[in-house]
């Protein structure tokens, strides 16, 4: 799992930005 740590962090950051824009879908 540690080899893919960057994918988790980037996914969370993108999700936060989209939620702020009103896109939870």
PDBML (XML) file of the C-alpha atoms, coordinates in Angstrom:
<?xml version="1.0" encoding="UTF-8" ?>
<PDBx:datablock datablockName="MODEL"
   xmlns:PDBx="http://pdbml.pdb.org/schema/pdbx-v50.xsd"
   xmlns:xsi="http://www.w3.org/2001/XMLSchema-instance"
   xsi:schemaLocation="http://pdbml.pdb.org/schema/pdbx-v50.xsd pdbx-v50.xsd">
   <PDBx:atom_siteCategory>
      <PDBx:atom_site id="1">
         <PDBx:B_iso_or_equiv>0.00</PDBx:B_iso_or_equiv>
         <PDBx:Cartn_x>0.000</PDBx:Cartn_x>
         <PDBx:Cartn_y>0.000</PDBx:Cartn_y>
         <PDBx:Cartn_z>0.000</PDBx:Cartn_z>
         <PDBx:auth_asym_id>A</PDBx:auth_asym_id>
         <PDBx:auth_atom_id>CA</PDBx:auth_atom_id>
         <PDBx:auth_comp_id>UNK</PDBx:auth_comp_id>
         <PDBx:auth_seq_id>1</PDBx:auth_seq_id>
         <PDBx:group_PDB>ATOM</PDBx:group_PDB>
         <PDBx:label_alt_id xsi:nil="true" />
         <PDBx:label_asym_id>A</PDBx:label_asym_id>
         <PDBx:label_atom_id>CA</PDBx:label_atom_id>
         <PDBx:label_comp_id>UNK</PDBx:label_comp_id>
         <PDBx:label_entity_id>1</PDBx:label_entity_id>
         <PDBx:label_seq_id>1</PDBx:label_seq_id>
         <PDBx:occupancy>1.00</PDBx:occupancy>
         <PDBx:pdbx_PDB_model_num>1</PDBx:pdbx_PDB_model_num>
         <PDBx:type_symbol>C</PDBx:type_symbol>
      </PDBx:atom_site>
      <PDBx:atom_site id="2">
         <PDBx:B_iso_or_equiv>0.00</PDBx:B_iso_or_equiv>
         <PDBx:Cartn_x>2.837</PDBx:Cartn_x>
         <PDBx:Cartn_y>2.434</PDBx:Cartn_y>
         <PDBx:Cartn_z>0.750</PDBx:Cartn_z>
         <PDBx:auth_asym_id>A</PDBx:auth_asym_id>
         <PDBx:auth_atom_id>CA</PDBx:auth_atom_id>
         <PDBx:auth_comp_id>UNK</PDBx:auth_comp_id>
         <PDBx:auth_seq_id>2</PDBx:auth_seq_id>
         <PDBx:group_PDB>ATOM</PDBx:group_PDB>
         <PDBx:label_alt_id xsi:nil="true" />
         <PDBx:label_asym_id>A</PDBx:label_asym_id>
         <PDBx:label_atom_id>CA</PDBx:label_atom_id>
         <PDBx:label_comp_id>UNK</PDBx:label_comp_id>
         <PDBx:label_entity_id>1</PDBx:label_entity_id>
         <PDBx:label_seq_id>2</PDBx:label_seq_id>
         <PDBx:occupancy>1.00</PDBx:occupancy>
         <PDBx:pdbx_PDB_model_num>1</PDBx:pdbx_PDB_model_num>
         <PDBx:type_symbol>C</PDBx:type_symbol>
      </PDBx:atom_site>
      <PDBx:atom_site id="3">
         <PDBx:B_iso_or_equiv>0.00</PDBx:B_iso_or_equiv>
         <PDBx:Cartn_x>3.935</PDBx:Cartn_x>
         <PDBx:Cartn_y>2.316</PDBx:Cartn_y>
         <PDBx:Cartn_z>-2.884</PDBx:Cartn_z>
         <PDBx:auth_asym_id>A</PDBx:auth_asym_id>
         <PDBx:auth_atom_id>CA</PDBx:auth_atom_id>
         <PDBx:auth_comp_id>UNK</PDBx:auth_comp_id>
         <PDBx:auth_seq_id>3</PDBx:auth_seq_id>
         <PDBx:group_PDB>ATOM</PDBx:group_PDB>
         <PDBx:label_alt_id xsi:nil="true" />
         <PDBx:label_asym_id>A</PDBx:label_asym_id>
         <PDBx:label_atom_id>CA</PDBx:label_atom_id>
         <PDBx:label_comp_id>UNK</PDBx:label_comp_id>
         <PDBx:label_entity_id>1</PDBx:label_entity_id>
         <PDBx:label_seq_id>3</PDBx:label_seq_id>
         <PDBx:occupancy>1.00</PDBx:occupancy>
         <PDBx:pdbx_PDB_model_num>1</PDBx:pdbx_PDB_model_num>
         <PDBx:type_symbol>C</PDBx:type_symbol>
      </PDBx:atom_site>
      <PDBx:atom_site id="4">
         <PDBx:B_iso_or_equiv>0.00</PDBx:B_iso_or_equiv>
         <PDBx:Cartn_x>0.609</PDBx:Cartn_x>
         <PDBx:Cartn_y>3.881</PDBx:Cartn_y>
         <PDBx:Cartn_z>-3.813</PDBx:Cartn_z>
         <PDBx:auth_asym_id>A</PDBx:auth_asym_id>
         <PDBx:auth_atom_id>CA</PDBx:auth_atom_id>
         <PDBx:auth_comp_id>UNK</PDBx:auth_comp_id>
         <PDBx:auth_seq_id>4</PDBx:auth_seq_id>
         <PDBx:group_PDB>ATOM</PDBx:group_PDB>
         <PDBx:label_alt_id xsi:nil="true" />
         <PDBx:label_asym_id>A</PDBx:label_asym_id>
         <PDBx:label_atom_id>CA</PDBx:label_atom_id>
         <PDBx:label_comp_id>UNK</PDBx:label_comp_id>
         <PDBx:label_entity_id>1</PDBx:label_entity_id>
         <PDBx:label_seq_id>4</PDBx:label_seq_id>
         <PDBx:occupancy>1.00</PDBx:occupancy>
         <PDBx:pdbx_PDB_model_num>1</PDBx:pdbx_PDB_model_num>
         <PDBx:type_symbol>C</PDBx:type_symbol>
      </PDBx:atom_site>
      <PDBx:atom_site id="5">
         <PDBx:B_iso_or_equiv>0.00</PDBx:B_iso_or_equiv>
         <PDBx:Cartn_x>0.449</PDBx:Cartn_x>
         <PDBx:Cartn_y>6.441</PDBx:Cartn_y>
         <PDBx:Cartn_z>-1.008</PDBx:Cartn_z>
         <PDBx:auth_asym_id>A</PDBx:auth_asym_id>
         <PDBx:auth_atom_id>CA</PDBx:auth_atom_id>
         <PDBx:auth_comp_id>UNK</PDBx:auth_comp_id>
         <PDBx:auth_seq_id>5</PDBx:auth_seq_id>
         <PDBx:group_PDB>ATOM</PDBx:group_PDB>
         <PDBx:label_alt_id xsi:nil="true" />
         <PDBx:label_asym_id>A</PDBx:label_asym_id>
         <PDBx:label_atom_id>CA</PDBx:label_atom_id>
         <PDBx:label_comp_id>UNK</PDBx:label_comp_id>
         <PDBx:label_entity_id>1</PDBx:label_entity_id>
         <PDBx:label_seq_id>5</PDBx:label_seq_id>
         <PDBx:occupancy>1.00</PDBx:occupancy>
         <PDBx:pdbx_PDB_model_num>1</PDBx:pdbx_PDB_model_num>
         <PDBx:type_symbol>C</PDBx:type_symbol>
      </PDBx:atom_site>
      <PDBx:atom_site id="6">
         <PDBx:B_iso_or_equiv>0.00</PDBx:B_iso_or_equiv>
         <PDBx:Cartn_x>0.460</PDBx:Cartn_x>
         <PDBx:Cartn_y>9.347</PDBx:Cartn_y>
         <PDBx:Cartn_z>-3.450</PDBx:Cartn_z>
         <PDBx:auth_asym_id>A</PDBx:auth_asym_id>
         <PDBx:auth_atom_id>CA</PDBx:auth_atom_id>
         <PDBx:auth_comp_id>UNK</PDBx:auth_comp_id>
         <PDBx:auth_seq_id>6</PDBx:auth_seq_id>
         <PDBx:group_PDB>ATOM</PDBx:group_PDB>
         <PDBx:label_alt_id xsi:nil="true" />
         <PDBx:label_asym_id>A</PDBx:label_asym_id>
         <PDBx:label_atom_id>CA</PDBx:label_atom_id>
         <PDBx:label_comp_id>UNK</PDBx:label_comp_id>
         <PDBx:label_entity_id>1</PDBx:label_entity_id>
         <PDBx:label_seq_id>6</PDBx:label_seq_id>
         <PDBx:occupancy>1.00</PDBx:occupancy>
         <PDBx:pdbx_PDB_model_num>1</PDBx:pdbx_PDB_model_num>
         <PDBx:type_symbol>C</PDBx:type_symbol>
      </PDBx:atom_site>
      <PDBx:atom_site id="7">
         <PDBx:B_iso_or_equiv>0.00</PDBx:B_iso_or_equiv>
         <PDBx:Cartn_x>-2.733</PDBx:Cartn_x>
         <PDBx:Cartn_y>8.114</PDBx:Cartn_y>
         <PDBx:Cartn_z>-5.132</PDBx:Cartn_z>
         <PDBx:auth_asym_id>A</PDBx:auth_asym_id>
         <PDBx:auth_atom_id>CA</PDBx:auth_atom_id>
         <PDBx:auth_comp_id>UNK</PDBx:auth_comp_id>
         <PDBx:auth_seq_id>7</PDBx:auth_seq_id>
         <PDBx:group_PDB>ATOM</PDBx:group_PDB>
         <PDBx:label_alt_id xsi:nil="true" />
         <PDBx:label_asym_id>A</PDBx:label_asym_id>
         <PDBx:label_atom_id>CA</PDBx:label_atom_id>
         <PDBx:label_comp_id>UNK</PDBx:label_comp_id>
         <PDBx:label_entity_id>1</PDBx:label_entity_id>
         <PDBx:label_seq_id>7</PDBx:label_seq_id>
         <PDBx:occupancy>1.00</PDBx:occupancy>
         <PDBx:pdbx_PDB_model_num>1</PDBx:pdbx_PDB_model_num>
         <PDBx:type_symbol>C</PDBx:type_symbol>
      </PDBx:atom_site>
      <PDBx:atom_site id="8">
         <PDBx:B_iso_or_equiv>0.00</PDBx:B_iso_or_equiv>
         <PDBx:Cartn_x>-4.627</PDBx:Cartn_x>
         <PDBx:Cartn_y>8.283</PDBx:Cartn_y>
         <PDBx:Cartn_z>-1.835</PDBx:Cartn_z>
         <PDBx:auth_asym_id>A</PDBx:auth_asym_id>
         <PDBx:auth_atom_id>CA</PDBx:auth_atom_id>
         <PDBx:auth_comp_id>UNK</PDBx:auth_comp_id>
         <PDBx:auth_seq_id>8</PDBx:auth_seq_id>
         <PDBx:group_PDB>ATOM</PDBx:group_PDB>
         <PDBx:label_alt_id xsi:nil="true" />
         <PDBx:label_asym_id>A</PDBx:label_asym_id>
         <PDBx:label_atom_id>CA</PDBx:label_atom_id>
         <PDBx:label_comp_id>UNK</PDBx:label_comp_id>
         <PDBx:label_entity_id>1</PDBx:label_entity_id>
         <PDBx:label_seq_id>8</PDBx:label_seq_id>
         <PDBx:occupancy>1.00</PDBx:occupancy>
         <PDBx:pdbx_PDB_model_num>1</PDBx:pdbx_PDB_model_num>
         <PDBx:type_symbol>C</PDBx:type_symbol>
      </PDBx:atom_site>
      <PDBx:atom_site id="9">
         <PDBx:B_iso_or_equiv>0.00</PDBx:B_iso_or_equiv>
         <PDBx:Cartn_x>-3.518</PDBx:Cartn_x>
         <PDBx:Cartn_y>11.814</PDBx:Cartn_y>
         <PDBx:Cartn_z>-0.946</PDBx:Cartn_z>
         <PDBx:auth_asym_id>A</PDBx:auth_asym_id>
         <PDBx:auth_atom_id>CA</PDBx:auth_atom_id>
         <PDBx:auth_comp_id>UNK</PDBx:auth_comp_id>
         <PDBx:auth_seq_id>9</PDBx:auth_seq_id>
         <PDBx:group_PDB>ATOM</PDBx:group_PDB>
         <PDBx:label_alt_id xsi:nil="true" />
         <PDBx:label_asym_id>A</PDBx:label_asym_id>
         <PDBx:label_atom_id>CA</PDBx:label_atom_id>
         <PDBx:label_comp_id>UNK</PDBx:label_comp_id>
         <PDBx:label_entity_id>1</PDBx:label_entity_id>
         <PDBx:label_seq_id>9</PDBx:label_seq_id>
         <PDBx:occupancy>1.00</PDBx:occupancy>
         <PDBx:pdbx_PDB_model_num>1</PDBx:pdbx_PDB_model_num>
         <PDBx:type_symbol>C</PDBx:type_symbol>
      </PDBx:atom_site>
      <PDBx:atom_site id="10">
         <PDBx:B_iso_or_equiv>0.00</PDBx:B_iso_or_equiv>
         <PDBx:Cartn_x>-4.205</PDBx:Cartn_x>
         <PDBx:Cartn_y>13.166</PDBx:Cartn_y>
         <PDBx:Cartn_z>-4.445</PDBx:Cartn_z>
         <PDBx:auth_asym_id>A</PDBx:auth_asym_id>
         <PDBx:auth_atom_id>CA</PDBx:auth_atom_id>
         <PDBx:auth_comp_id>UNK</PDBx:auth_comp_id>
         <PDBx:auth_seq_id>10</PDBx:auth_seq_id>
         <PDBx:group_PDB>ATOM</PDBx:group_PDB>
         <PDBx:label_alt_id xsi:nil="true" />
         <PDBx:label_asym_id>A</PDBx:label_asym_id>
         <PDBx:label_atom_id>CA</PDBx:label_atom_id>
         <PDBx:label_comp_id>UNK</PDBx:label_comp_id>
         <PDBx:label_entity_id>1</PDBx:label_entity_id>
         <PDBx:label_seq_id>10</PDBx:label_seq_id>
         <PDBx:occupancy>1.00</PDBx:occupancy>
         <PDBx:pdbx_PDB_model_num>1</PDBx:pdbx_PDB_model_num>
         <PDBx:type_symbol>C</PDBx:type_symbol>
      </PDBx:atom_site>
      <PDBx:atom_site id="11">
         <PDBx:B_iso_or_equiv>0.00</PDBx:B_iso_or_equiv>
         <PDBx:Cartn_x>-7.642</PDBx:Cartn_x>
         <PDBx:Cartn_y>11.552</PDBx:Cartn_y>
         <PDBx:Cartn_z>-4.497</PDBx:Cartn_z>
         <PDBx:auth_asym_id>A</PDBx:auth_asym_id>
         <PDBx:auth_atom_id>CA</PDBx:auth_atom_id>
         <PDBx:auth_comp_id>UNK</PDBx:auth_comp_id>
         <PDBx:auth_seq_id>11</PDBx:auth_seq_id>
         <PDBx:group_PDB>ATOM</PDBx:group_PDB>
         <PDBx:label_alt_id xsi:nil="true" />
         <PDBx:label_asym_id>A</PDBx:label_asym_id>
         <PDBx:label_atom_id>CA</PDBx:label_atom_id>
         <PDBx:label_comp_id>UNK</PDBx:label_comp_id>
         <PDBx:label_entity_id>1</PDBx:label_entity_id>
         <PDBx:label_seq_id>11</PDBx:label_seq_id>
         <PDBx:occupancy>1.00</PDBx:occupancy>
         <PDBx:pdbx_PDB_model_num>1</PDBx:pdbx_PDB_model_num>
         <PDBx:type_symbol>C</PDBx:type_symbol>
      </PDBx:atom_site>
      <PDBx:atom_site id="12">
         <PDBx:B_iso_or_equiv>0.00</PDBx:B_iso_or_equiv>
         <PDBx:Cartn_x>-8.602</PDBx:Cartn_x>
         <PDBx:Cartn_y>13.172</PDBx:Cartn_y>
         <PDBx:Cartn_z>-1.196</PDBx:Cartn_z>
         <PDBx:auth_asym_id>A</PDBx:auth_asym_id>
         <PDBx:auth_atom_id>CA</PDBx:auth_atom_id>
         <PDBx:auth_comp_id>UNK</PDBx:auth_comp_id>
         <PDBx:auth_seq_id>12</PDBx:auth_seq_id>
         <PDBx:group_PDB>ATOM</PDBx:group_PDB>
         <PDBx:label_alt_id xsi:nil="true" />
         <PDBx:label_asym_id>A</PDBx:label_asym_id>
         <PDBx:label_atom_id>CA</PDBx:label_atom_id>
         <PDBx:label_comp_id>UNK</PDBx:label_comp_id>
         <PDBx:label_entity_id>1</PDBx:label_entity_id>
         <PDBx:label_seq_id>12</PDBx:label_seq_id>
         <PDBx:occupancy>1.00</PDBx:occupancy>
         <PDBx:pdbx_PDB_model_num>1</PDBx:pdbx_PDB_model_num>
         <PDBx:type_symbol>C</PDBx:type_symbol>
      </PDBx:atom_site>
      <PDBx:atom_site id="13">
         <PDBx:B_iso_or_equiv>0.00</PDBx:B_iso_or_equiv>
         <PDBx:Cartn_x>-7.364</PDBx:Cartn_x>
         <PDBx:Cartn_y>16.616</PDBx:Cartn_y>
         <PDBx:Cartn_z>-2.304</PDBx:Cartn_z>
         <PDBx:auth_asym_id>A</PDBx:auth_asym_id>
         <PDBx:auth_atom_id>CA</PDBx:auth_atom_id>
         <PDBx:auth_comp_id>UNK</PDBx:auth_comp_id>
         <PDBx:auth_seq_id>13</PDBx:auth_seq_id>
         <PDBx:group_PDB>ATOM</PDBx:group_PDB>
         <PDBx:label_alt_id xsi:nil="true" />
         <PDBx:label_asym_id>A</PDBx:label_asym_id>
         <PDBx:label_atom_id>CA</PDBx:label_atom_id>
         <PDBx:label_comp_id>UNK</PDBx:label_comp_id>
         <PDBx:label_entity_id>1</PDBx:label_entity_id>
         <PDBx:label_seq_id>13</PDBx:label_seq_id>
         <PDBx:occupancy>1.00</PDBx:occupancy>
         <PDBx:pdbx_PDB_model_num>1</PDBx:pdbx_PDB_model_num>
         <PDBx:type_symbol>C</PDBx:type_symbol>
      </PDBx:atom_site>
      <PDBx:atom_site id="14">
         <PDBx:B_iso_or_equiv>0.00</PDBx:B_iso_or_equiv>
         <PDBx:Cartn_x>-9.274</PDBx:Cartn_x>
         <PDBx:Cartn_y>16.422</PDBx:Cartn_y>
         <PDBx:Cartn_z>-5.589</PDBx:Cartn_z>
         <PDBx:auth_asym_id>A</PDBx:auth_asym_id>
         <PDBx:auth_atom_id>CA</PDBx:auth_atom_id>
         <PDBx:auth_comp_id>UNK</PDBx:auth_comp_id>
         <PDBx:auth_seq_id>14</PDBx:auth_seq_id>
         <PDBx:group_PDB>ATOM</PDBx:group_PDB>
         <PDBx:label_alt_id xsi:nil="true" />
         <PDBx:label_asym_id>A</PDBx:label_asym_id>
         <PDBx:label_atom_id>CA</PDBx:label_atom_id>
         <PDBx:label_comp_id>UNK</PDBx:label_comp_id>
         <PDBx:label_entity_id>1</PDBx:label_entity_id>
         <PDBx:label_seq_id>14</PDBx:label_seq_id>
         <PDBx:occupancy>1.00</PDBx:occupancy>
         <PDBx:pdbx_PDB_model_num>1</PDBx:pdbx_PDB_model_num>
         <PDBx:type_symbol>C</PDBx:type_symbol>
      </PDBx:atom_site>
      <PDBx:atom_site id="15">
         <PDBx:B_iso_or_equiv>0.00</PDBx:B_iso_or_equiv>
         <PDBx:Cartn_x>-12.423</PDBx:Cartn_x>
         <PDBx:Cartn_y>15.263</PDBx:Cartn_y>
         <PDBx:Cartn_z>-3.794</PDBx:Cartn_z>
         <PDBx:auth_asym_id>A</PDBx:auth_asym_id>
         <PDBx:auth_atom_id>CA</PDBx:auth_atom_id>
         <PDBx:auth_comp_id>UNK</PDBx:auth_comp_id>
         <PDBx:auth_seq_id>15</PDBx:auth_seq_id>
         <PDBx:group_PDB>ATOM</PDBx:group_PDB>
         <PDBx:label_alt_id xsi:nil="true" />
         <PDBx:label_asym_id>A</PDBx:label_asym_id>
         <PDBx:label_atom_id>CA</PDBx:label_atom_id>
         <PDBx:label_comp_id>UNK</PDBx:label_comp_id>
         <PDBx:label_entity_id>1</PDBx:label_entity_id>
         <PDBx:label_seq_id>15</PDBx:label_seq_id>
         <PDBx:occupancy>1.00</PDBx:occupancy>
         <PDBx:pdbx_PDB_model_num>1</PDBx:pdbx_PDB_model_num>
         <PDBx:type_symbol>C</PDBx:type_symbol>
      </PDBx:atom_site>
      <PDBx:atom_site id="16">
         <PDBx:B_iso_or_equiv>0.00</PDBx:B_iso_or_equiv>
         <PDBx:Cartn_x>-12.179</PDBx:Cartn_x>
         <PDBx:Cartn_y>18.204</PDBx:Cartn_y>
         <PDBx:Cartn_z>-1.374</PDBx:Cartn_z>
         <PDBx:auth_asym_id>A</PDBx:auth_asym_id>
         <PDBx:auth_atom_id>CA</PDBx:auth_atom_id>
         <PDBx:auth_comp_id>UNK</PDBx:auth_comp_id>
         <PDBx:auth_seq_id>16</PDBx:auth_seq_id>
         <PDBx:group_PDB>ATOM</PDBx:group_PDB>
         <PDBx:label_alt_id xsi:nil="true" />
         <PDBx:label_asym_id>A</PDBx:label_asym_id>
         <PDBx:label_atom_id>CA</PDBx:label_atom_id>
         <PDBx:label_comp_id>UNK</PDBx:label_comp_id>
         <PDBx:label_entity_id>1</PDBx:label_entity_id>
         <PDBx:label_seq_id>16</PDBx:label_seq_id>
         <PDBx:occupancy>1.00</PDBx:occupancy>
         <PDBx:pdbx_PDB_model_num>1</PDBx:pdbx_PDB_model_num>
         <PDBx:type_symbol>C</PDBx:type_symbol>
      </PDBx:atom_site>
      <PDBx:atom_site id="17">
         <PDBx:B_iso_or_equiv>0.00</PDBx:B_iso_or_equiv>
         <PDBx:Cartn_x>-11.830</PDBx:Cartn_x>
         <PDBx:Cartn_y>20.697</PDBx:Cartn_y>
         <PDBx:Cartn_z>-4.231</PDBx:Cartn_z>
         <PDBx:auth_asym_id>A</PDBx:auth_asym_id>
         <PDBx:auth_atom_id>CA</PDBx:auth_atom_id>
         <PDBx:auth_comp_id>UNK</PDBx:auth_comp_id>
         <PDBx:auth_seq_id>17</PDBx:auth_seq_id>
         <PDBx:group_PDB>ATOM</PDBx:group_PDB>
         <PDBx:label_alt_id xsi:nil="true" />
         <PDBx:label_asym_id>A</PDBx:label_asym_id>
         <PDBx:label_atom_id>CA</PDBx:label_atom_id>
         <PDBx:label_comp_id>UNK</PDBx:label_comp_id>
         <PDBx:label_entity_id>1</PDBx:label_entity_id>
         <PDBx:label_seq_id>17</PDBx:label_seq_id>
         <PDBx:occupancy>1.00</PDBx:occupancy>
         <PDBx:pdbx_PDB_model_num>1</PDBx:pdbx_PDB_model_num>
         <PDBx:type_symbol>C</PDBx:type_symbol>
      </PDBx:atom_site>
      <PDBx:atom_site id="18">
         <PDBx:B_iso_or_equiv>0.00</PDBx:B_iso_or_equiv>
         <PDBx:Cartn_x>-14.783</PDBx:Cartn_x>
         <PDBx:Cartn_y>19.216</PDBx:Cartn_y>
         <PDBx:Cartn_z>-6.105</PDBx:Cartn_z>
         <PDBx:auth_asym_id>A</PDBx:auth_asym_id>
         <PDBx:auth_atom_id>CA</PDBx:auth_atom_id>
         <PDBx:auth_comp_id>UNK</PDBx:auth_comp_id>
         <PDBx:auth_seq_id>18</PDBx:auth_seq_id>
         <PDBx:group_PDB>ATOM</PDBx:group_PDB>
         <PDBx:label_alt_id xsi:nil="true" />
         <PDBx:label_asym_id>A</PDBx:label_asym_id>
         <PDBx:label_atom_id>CA</PDBx:label_atom_id>
         <PDBx:label_comp_id>UNK</PDBx:label_comp_id>
         <PDBx:label_entity_id>1</PDBx:label_entity_id>
         <PDBx:label_seq_id>18</PDBx:label_seq_id>
         <PDBx:occupancy>1.00</PDBx:occupancy>
         <PDBx:pdbx_PDB_model_num>1</PDBx:pdbx_PDB_model_num>
         <PDBx:type_symbol>C</PDBx:type_symbol>
      </PDBx:atom_site>
      <PDBx:atom_site id="19">
         <PDBx:B_iso_or_equiv>0.00</PDBx:B_iso_or_equiv>
         <PDBx:Cartn_x>-16.951</PDBx:Cartn_x>
         <PDBx:Cartn_y>19.224</PDBx:Cartn_y>
         <PDBx:Cartn_z>-2.974</PDBx:Cartn_z>
         <PDBx:auth_asym_id>A</PDBx:auth_asym_id>
         <PDBx:auth_atom_id>CA</PDBx:auth_atom_id>
         <PDBx:auth_comp_id>UNK</PDBx:auth_comp_id>
         <PDBx:auth_seq_id>19</PDBx:auth_seq_id>
         <PDBx:group_PDB>ATOM</PDBx:group_PDB>
         <PDBx:label_alt_id xsi:nil="true" />
         <PDBx:label_asym_id>A</PDBx:label_asym_id>
         <PDBx:label_atom_id>CA</PDBx:label_atom_id>
         <PDBx:label_comp_id>UNK</PDBx:label_comp_id>
         <PDBx:label_entity_id>1</PDBx:label_entity_id>
         <PDBx:label_seq_id>19</PDBx:label_seq_id>
         <PDBx:occupancy>1.00</PDBx:occupancy>
         <PDBx:pdbx_PDB_model_num>1</PDBx:pdbx_PDB_model_num>
         <PDBx:type_symbol>C</PDBx:type_symbol>
      </PDBx:atom_site>
      <PDBx:atom_site id="20">
         <PDBx:B_iso_or_equiv>0.00</PDBx:B_iso_or_equiv>
         <PDBx:Cartn_x>-16.161</PDBx:Cartn_x>
         <PDBx:Cartn_y>22.910</PDBx:Cartn_y>
         <PDBx:Cartn_z>-2.464</PDBx:Cartn_z>
         <PDBx:auth_asym_id>A</PDBx:auth_asym_id>
         <PDBx:auth_atom_id>CA</PDBx:auth_atom_id>
         <PDBx:auth_comp_id>UNK</PDBx:auth_comp_id>
         <PDBx:auth_seq_id>20</PDBx:auth_seq_id>
         <PDBx:group_PDB>ATOM</PDBx:group_PDB>
         <PDBx:label_alt_id xsi:nil="true" />
         <PDBx:label_asym_id>A</PDBx:label_asym_id>
         <PDBx:label_atom_id>CA</PDBx:label_atom_id>
         <PDBx:label_comp_id>UNK</PDBx:label_comp_id>
         <PDBx:label_entity_id>1</PDBx:label_entity_id>
         <PDBx:label_seq_id>20</PDBx:label_seq_id>
         <PDBx:occupancy>1.00</PDBx:occupancy>
         <PDBx:pdbx_PDB_model_num>1</PDBx:pdbx_PDB_model_num>
         <PDBx:type_symbol>C</PDBx:type_symbol>
      </PDBx:atom_site>
      <PDBx:atom_site id="21">
         <PDBx:B_iso_or_equiv>0.00</PDBx:B_iso_or_equiv>
         <PDBx:Cartn_x>-17.331</PDBx:Cartn_x>
         <PDBx:Cartn_y>23.464</PDBx:Cartn_y>
         <PDBx:Cartn_z>-6.046</PDBx:Cartn_z>
         <PDBx:auth_asym_id>A</PDBx:auth_asym_id>
         <PDBx:auth_atom_id>CA</PDBx:auth_atom_id>
         <PDBx:auth_comp_id>UNK</PDBx:auth_comp_id>
         <PDBx:auth_seq_id>21</PDBx:auth_seq_id>
         <PDBx:group_PDB>ATOM</PDBx:group_PDB>
         <PDBx:label_alt_id xsi:nil="true" />
         <PDBx:label_asym_id>A</PDBx:label_asym_id>
         <PDBx:label_atom_id>CA</PDBx:label_atom_id>
         <PDBx:label_comp_id>UNK</PDBx:label_comp_id>
         <PDBx:label_entity_id>1</PDBx:label_entity_id>
         <PDBx:label_seq_id>21</PDBx:label_seq_id>
         <PDBx:occupancy>1.00</PDBx:occupancy>
         <PDBx:pdbx_PDB_model_num>1</PDBx:pdbx_PDB_model_num>
         <PDBx:type_symbol>C</PDBx:type_symbol>
      </PDBx:atom_site>
      <PDBx:atom_site id="22">
         <PDBx:B_iso_or_equiv>0.00</PDBx:B_iso_or_equiv>
         <PDBx:Cartn_x>-20.582</PDBx:Cartn_x>
         <PDBx:Cartn_y>21.680</PDBx:Cartn_y>
         <PDBx:Cartn_z>-5.248</PDBx:Cartn_z>
         <PDBx:auth_asym_id>A</PDBx:auth_asym_id>
         <PDBx:auth_atom_id>CA</PDBx:auth_atom_id>
         <PDBx:auth_comp_id>UNK</PDBx:auth_comp_id>
         <PDBx:auth_seq_id>22</PDBx:auth_seq_id>
         <PDBx:group_PDB>ATOM</PDBx:group_PDB>
         <PDBx:label_alt_id xsi:nil="true" />
         <PDBx:label_asym_id>A</PDBx:label_asym_id>
         <PDBx:label_atom_id>CA</PDBx:label_atom_id>
         <PDBx:label_comp_id>UNK</PDBx:label_comp_id>
         <PDBx:label_entity_id>1</PDBx:label_entity_id>
         <PDBx:label_seq_id>22</PDBx:label_seq_id>
         <PDBx:occupancy>1.00</PDBx:occupancy>
         <PDBx:pdbx_PDB_model_num>1</PDBx:pdbx_PDB_model_num>
         <PDBx:type_symbol>C</PDBx:type_symbol>
      </PDBx:atom_site>
      <PDBx:atom_site id="23">
         <PDBx:B_iso_or_equiv>0.00</PDBx:B_iso_or_equiv>
         <PDBx:Cartn_x>-19.691</PDBx:Cartn_x>
         <PDBx:Cartn_y>18.430</PDBx:Cartn_y>
         <PDBx:Cartn_z>-7.041</PDBx:Cartn_z>
         <PDBx:auth_asym_id>A</PDBx:auth_asym_id>
         <PDBx:auth_atom_id>CA</PDBx:auth_atom_id>
         <PDBx:auth_comp_id>UNK</PDBx:auth_comp_id>
         <PDBx:auth_seq_id>23</PDBx:auth_seq_id>
         <PDBx:group_PDB>ATOM</PDBx:group_PDB>
         <PDBx:label_alt_id xsi:nil="true" />
         <PDBx:label_asym_id>A</PDBx:label_asym_id>
         <PDBx:label_atom_id>CA</PDBx:label_atom_id>
         <PDBx:label_comp_id>UNK</PDBx:label_comp_id>
         <PDBx:label_entity_id>1</PDBx:label_entity_id>
         <PDBx:label_seq_id>23</PDBx:label_seq_id>
         <PDBx:occupancy>1.00</PDBx:occupancy>
         <PDBx:pdbx_PDB_model_num>1</PDBx:pdbx_PDB_model_num>
         <PDBx:type_symbol>C</PDBx:type_symbol>
      </PDBx:atom_site>
      <PDBx:atom_site id="24">
         <PDBx:B_iso_or_equiv>0.00</PDBx:B_iso_or_equiv>
         <PDBx:Cartn_x>-20.077</PDBx:Cartn_x>
         <PDBx:Cartn_y>15.437</PDBx:Cartn_y>
         <PDBx:Cartn_z>-4.722</PDBx:Cartn_z>
         <PDBx:auth_asym_id>A</PDBx:auth_asym_id>
         <PDBx:auth_atom_id>CA</PDBx:auth_atom_id>
         <PDBx:auth_comp_id>UNK</PDBx:auth_comp_id>
         <PDBx:auth_seq_id>24</PDBx:auth_seq_id>
         <PDBx:group_PDB>ATOM</PDBx:group_PDB>
         <PDBx:label_alt_id xsi:nil="true" />
         <PDBx:label_asym_id>A</PDBx:label_asym_id>
         <PDBx:label_atom_id>CA</PDBx:label_atom_id>
         <PDBx:label_comp_id>UNK</PDBx:label_comp_id>
         <PDBx:label_entity_id>1</PDBx:label_entity_id>
         <PDBx:label_seq_id>24</PDBx:label_seq_id>
         <PDBx:occupancy>1.00</PDBx:occupancy>
         <PDBx:pdbx_PDB_model_num>1</PDBx:pdbx_PDB_model_num>
         <PDBx:type_symbol>C</PDBx:type_symbol>
      </PDBx:atom_site>
      <PDBx:atom_site id="25">
         <PDBx:B_iso_or_equiv>0.00</PDBx:B_iso_or_equiv>
         <PDBx:Cartn_x>-21.200</PDBx:Cartn_x>
         <PDBx:Cartn_y>13.128</PDBx:Cartn_y>
         <PDBx:Cartn_z>-7.513</PDBx:Cartn_z>
         <PDBx:auth_asym_id>A</PDBx:auth_asym_id>
         <PDBx:auth_atom_id>CA</PDBx:auth_atom_id>
         <PDBx:auth_comp_id>UNK</PDBx:auth_comp_id>
         <PDBx:auth_seq_id>25</PDBx:auth_seq_id>
         <PDBx:group_PDB>ATOM</PDBx:group_PDB>
         <PDBx:label_alt_id xsi:nil="true" />
         <PDBx:label_asym_id>A</PDBx:label_asym_id>
         <PDBx:label_atom_id>CA</PDBx:label_atom_id>
         <PDBx:label_comp_id>UNK</PDBx:label_comp_id>
         <PDBx:label_entity_id>1</PDBx:label_entity_id>
         <PDBx:label_seq_id>25</PDBx:label_seq_id>
         <PDBx:occupancy>1.00</PDBx:occupancy>
         <PDBx:pdbx_PDB_model_num>1</PDBx:pdbx_PDB_model_num>
         <PDBx:type_symbol>C</PDBx:type_symbol>
      </PDBx:atom_site>
   </PDBx:atom_siteCategory>
</PDBx:datablock>
